[in-house]
Amino acid sequence: MQKIKRLFTIKTKFEAFLVIYALALGAAERGIVYMDQYPGFGGKLLALCCTGAVFMAGGKVIDAVDMQRRWQF
């Protein structure tokens, strides 16, 4: 079980950046879909929310990696 758990644990900043990149690709695609489905200001606002969520999540992921490294013995 530990080996499987290790596969889903972000241990380095490089892995964190890969996860953030994947989140950004998905958010950009979702934003395009929102702008297509909701033309005008509403679609642009939803697309902006998608990208903003990536910035917030990315910051938390990087902070978590730093905190994990700091508290690890």
N, C-alpha and C. Protein backbone atom coordinates (compact mmCIF):
# COMPACT_ATOMS: atom_id res chain seq x y z
N MET A 1 0.81 -1.19 0.00
CA MET A 1 0.00 0.00 0.00
C MET A 1 0.87 1.27 0.00
N GLN A 2 2.02 1.21 0.66
CA GLN A 2 2.91 2.37 0.71
C GLN A 2 3.44 2.72 -0.67
N LYS A 3 3.72 1.72 -1.50
CA LYS A 3 4.22 1.98 -2.84
C LYS A 3 3.18 2.69 -3.69
N ILE A 4 1.94 2.30 -3.54
CA ILE A 4 0.85 2.96 -4.28
C ILE A 4 0.66 4.38 -3.76
N LYS A 5 0.73 4.57 -2.45
CA LYS A 5 0.59 5.89 -1.87
C LYS A 5 1.69 6.83 -2.36
N ARG A 6 2.91 6.30 -2.49
CA ARG A 6 4.03 7.11 -2.94
C ARG A 6 3.86 7.62 -4.36
N LEU A 7 3.12 6.88 -5.19
CA LEU A 7 2.89 7.31 -6.56
C LEU A 7 2.06 8.59 -6.63
N PHE A 8 1.19 8.80 -5.66
CA PHE A 8 0.29 9.94 -5.67
C PHE A 8 0.71 11.05 -4.71
N THR A 9 1.97 11.05 -4.30
CA THR A 9 2.49 12.06 -3.40
C THR A 9 3.43 12.97 -4.17
N ILE A 10 3.21 14.27 -4.06
CA ILE A 10 4.07 15.25 -4.71
C ILE A 10 5.23 15.53 -3.76
N LYS A 11 6.45 15.16 -4.19
CA LYS A 11 7.60 15.27 -3.32
C LYS A 11 8.53 16.42 -3.66
N THR A 12 8.61 16.82 -4.92
CA THR A 12 9.54 17.86 -5.33
C THR A 12 8.78 19.01 -6.00
N LYS A 13 9.49 20.14 -6.13
CA LYS A 13 8.88 21.29 -6.80
C LYS A 13 8.66 21.00 -8.28
N PHE A 14 9.54 20.20 -8.87
CA PHE A 14 9.37 19.84 -10.28
C PHE A 14 8.05 19.10 -10.49
N GLU A 15 7.75 18.14 -9.61
CA GLU A 15 6.47 17.43 -9.70
C GLU A 15 5.30 18.38 -9.47
N ALA A 16 5.48 19.35 -8.56
CA ALA A 16 4.43 20.33 -8.30
C ALA A 16 4.17 21.17 -9.56
N PHE A 17 5.24 21.58 -10.23
CA PHE A 17 5.07 22.37 -11.44
C PHE A 17 4.40 21.57 -12.55
N LEU A 18 4.69 20.27 -12.63
CA LEU A 18 4.01 19.43 -13.62
C LEU A 18 2.52 19.34 -13.34
N VAL A 19 2.16 19.21 -12.08
CA VAL A 19 0.74 19.15 -11.70
C VAL A 19 0.06 20.48 -11.99
N ILE A 20 0.74 21.58 -11.67
CA ILE A 20 0.17 22.90 -11.94
C ILE A 20 -0.01 23.12 -13.44
N TYR A 21 0.96 22.66 -14.24
CA TYR A 21 0.86 22.77 -15.69
C TYR A 21 -0.36 22.01 -16.21
N ALA A 22 -0.57 20.80 -15.69
CA ALA A 22 -1.73 20.02 -16.10
C ALA A 22 -3.03 20.71 -15.70
N LEU A 23 -3.06 21.28 -14.51
CA LEU A 23 -4.24 22.04 -14.08
C LEU A 23 -4.49 23.23 -14.99
N ALA A 24 -3.42 23.91 -15.38
CA ALA A 24 -3.56 25.09 -16.24
C ALA A 24 -4.08 24.70 -17.63
N LEU A 25 -3.61 23.60 -18.17
CA LEU A 25 -4.11 23.15 -19.47
C LEU A 25 -5.61 22.85 -19.40
N GLY A 26 -6.02 22.16 -18.36
CA GLY A 26 -7.44 21.85 -18.19
C GLY A 26 -8.28 23.10 -17.98
N ALA A 27 -7.76 24.04 -17.22
CA ALA A 27 -8.51 25.27 -16.96
C ALA A 27 -8.63 26.11 -18.22
N ALA A 28 -7.57 26.15 -19.02
CA ALA A 28 -7.63 26.91 -20.27
C ALA A 28 -8.65 26.30 -21.23
N GLU A 29 -8.66 24.99 -21.30
CA GLU A 29 -9.64 24.32 -22.16
C GLU A 29 -11.06 24.57 -21.68
N ARG A 30 -11.24 24.49 -20.37
CA ARG A 30 -12.56 24.74 -19.81
C ARG A 30 -12.99 26.20 -20.04
N GLY A 31 -12.03 27.12 -19.93
CA GLY A 31 -12.33 28.52 -20.19
C GLY A 31 -12.77 28.76 -21.62
N ILE A 32 -12.15 28.07 -22.57
CA ILE A 32 -12.55 28.18 -23.98
C ILE A 32 -13.98 27.67 -24.15
N VAL A 33 -14.29 26.57 -23.49
CA VAL A 33 -15.65 26.02 -23.58
C VAL A 33 -16.66 27.01 -22.98
N TYR A 34 -16.31 27.61 -21.84
CA TYR A 34 -17.21 28.59 -21.23
C TYR A 34 -17.45 29.77 -22.16
N MET A 35 -16.38 30.28 -22.80
CA MET A 35 -16.56 31.43 -23.69
C MET A 35 -17.39 31.06 -24.92
N ASP A 36 -17.34 29.80 -25.32
CA ASP A 36 -18.15 29.35 -26.45
C ASP A 36 -19.62 29.18 -26.04
N GLN A 37 -19.84 28.60 -24.86
CA GLN A 37 -21.21 28.35 -24.40
C GLN A 37 -21.91 29.62 -23.94
N TYR A 38 -21.17 30.53 -23.32
CA TYR A 38 -21.74 31.77 -22.78
C TYR A 38 -21.05 32.96 -23.43
N PRO A 39 -21.48 33.36 -24.60
CA PRO A 39 -20.81 34.49 -25.26
C PRO A 39 -21.01 35.79 -24.48
N GLY A 40 -20.03 36.64 -24.56
CA GLY A 40 -20.11 37.93 -23.88
C GLY A 40 -19.35 37.94 -22.57
N PHE A 41 -19.80 38.84 -21.70
CA PHE A 41 -19.10 39.07 -20.44
C PHE A 41 -19.14 37.86 -19.51
N GLY A 42 -20.26 37.14 -19.49
CA GLY A 42 -20.40 35.98 -18.61
C GLY A 42 -19.38 34.89 -18.90
N GLY A 43 -19.19 34.59 -20.17
CA GLY A 43 -18.21 33.57 -20.54
C GLY A 43 -16.79 33.98 -20.22
N LYS A 44 -16.49 35.26 -20.45
CA LYS A 44 -15.14 35.76 -20.13
C LYS A 44 -14.89 35.73 -18.63
N LEU A 45 -15.91 36.04 -17.86
CA LEU A 45 -15.78 36.02 -16.41
C LEU A 45 -15.55 34.60 -15.89
N LEU A 46 -16.29 33.64 -16.44
CA LEU A 46 -16.08 32.25 -16.03
C LEU A 46 -14.70 31.74 -16.44
N ALA A 47 -14.22 32.15 -17.62
CA ALA A 47 -12.88 31.75 -18.06
C ALA A 47 -11.83 32.36 -17.13
N LEU A 48 -12.03 33.58 -16.72
CA LEU A 48 -11.11 34.23 -15.79
C LEU A 48 -11.10 33.51 -14.44
N CYS A 49 -12.26 33.06 -14.00
CA CYS A 49 -12.34 32.30 -12.74
C CYS A 49 -11.56 30.99 -12.84
N CYS A 50 -11.61 30.35 -14.00
CA CYS A 50 -10.86 29.10 -14.20
C CYS A 50 -9.36 29.33 -14.04
N THR A 51 -8.85 30.39 -14.67
CA THR A 51 -7.42 30.66 -14.57
C THR A 51 -7.04 31.12 -13.16
N GLY A 52 -7.92 31.88 -12.52
CA GLY A 52 -7.65 32.30 -11.16
C GLY A 52 -7.56 31.14 -10.19
N ALA A 53 -8.38 30.14 -10.41
CA ALA A 53 -8.36 28.95 -9.55
C ALA A 53 -7.02 28.23 -9.67
N VAL A 54 -6.44 28.22 -10.86
CA VAL A 54 -5.13 27.57 -11.04
C VAL A 54 -4.06 28.33 -10.26
N PHE A 55 -4.11 29.66 -10.29
CA PHE A 55 -3.13 30.44 -9.53
C PHE A 55 -3.23 30.15 -8.03
N MET A 56 -4.45 30.09 -7.51
CA MET A 56 -4.62 29.82 -6.09
C MET A 56 -4.18 28.40 -5.74
N ALA A 57 -4.59 27.43 -6.52
CA ALA A 57 -4.22 26.04 -6.25
C ALA A 57 -2.72 25.84 -6.40
N GLY A 58 -2.14 26.46 -7.42
CA GLY A 58 -0.70 26.33 -7.64
C GLY A 58 0.11 26.86 -6.47
N GLY A 59 -0.30 27.99 -5.95
CA GLY A 59 0.38 28.56 -4.79
C GLY A 59 0.30 27.65 -3.58
N LYS A 60 -0.85 27.07 -3.38
CA LYS A 60 -1.02 26.15 -2.25
C LYS A 60 -0.18 24.89 -2.41
N VAL A 61 -0.10 24.37 -3.63
CA VAL A 61 0.69 23.16 -3.88
C VAL A 61 2.16 23.44 -3.61
N ILE A 62 2.67 24.56 -4.12
CA ILE A 62 4.08 24.90 -3.89
C ILE A 62 4.35 25.13 -2.41
N ASP A 63 3.45 25.82 -1.73
CA ASP A 63 3.61 26.02 -0.29
C ASP A 63 3.60 24.70 0.47
N ALA A 64 2.77 23.78 0.05
CA ALA A 64 2.70 22.48 0.72
C ALA A 64 3.99 21.69 0.53
N VAL A 65 4.58 21.76 -0.66
CA VAL A 65 5.85 21.07 -0.90
C VAL A 65 6.94 21.67 -0.03
N ASP A 66 6.98 23.01 0.05
CA ASP A 66 7.98 23.67 0.91
C ASP A 66 7.78 23.30 2.37
N MET A 67 6.52 23.30 2.83
CA MET A 67 6.25 22.97 4.22
C MET A 67 6.60 21.50 4.51
N GLN A 68 6.30 20.63 3.57
CA GLN A 68 6.62 19.22 3.77
C GLN A 68 8.13 19.03 3.88
N ARG A 69 8.90 19.73 3.06
CA ARG A 69 10.35 19.63 3.11
C ARG A 69 10.88 20.20 4.41
N ARG A 70 10.29 21.29 4.89
CA ARG A 70 10.75 21.93 6.11
C ARG A 70 10.50 21.06 7.34
N TRP A 71 9.38 20.36 7.39
CA TRP A 71 9.01 19.56 8.56
C TRP A 71 9.52 18.14 8.50
N GLN A 72 10.09 17.75 7.36
CA GLN A 72 10.61 16.38 7.24
C GLN A 72 11.95 16.27 7.93
N PHE A 73 12.18 15.16 8.59
CA PHE A 73 13.44 14.96 9.33
C PHE A 73 14.38 14.13 8.54
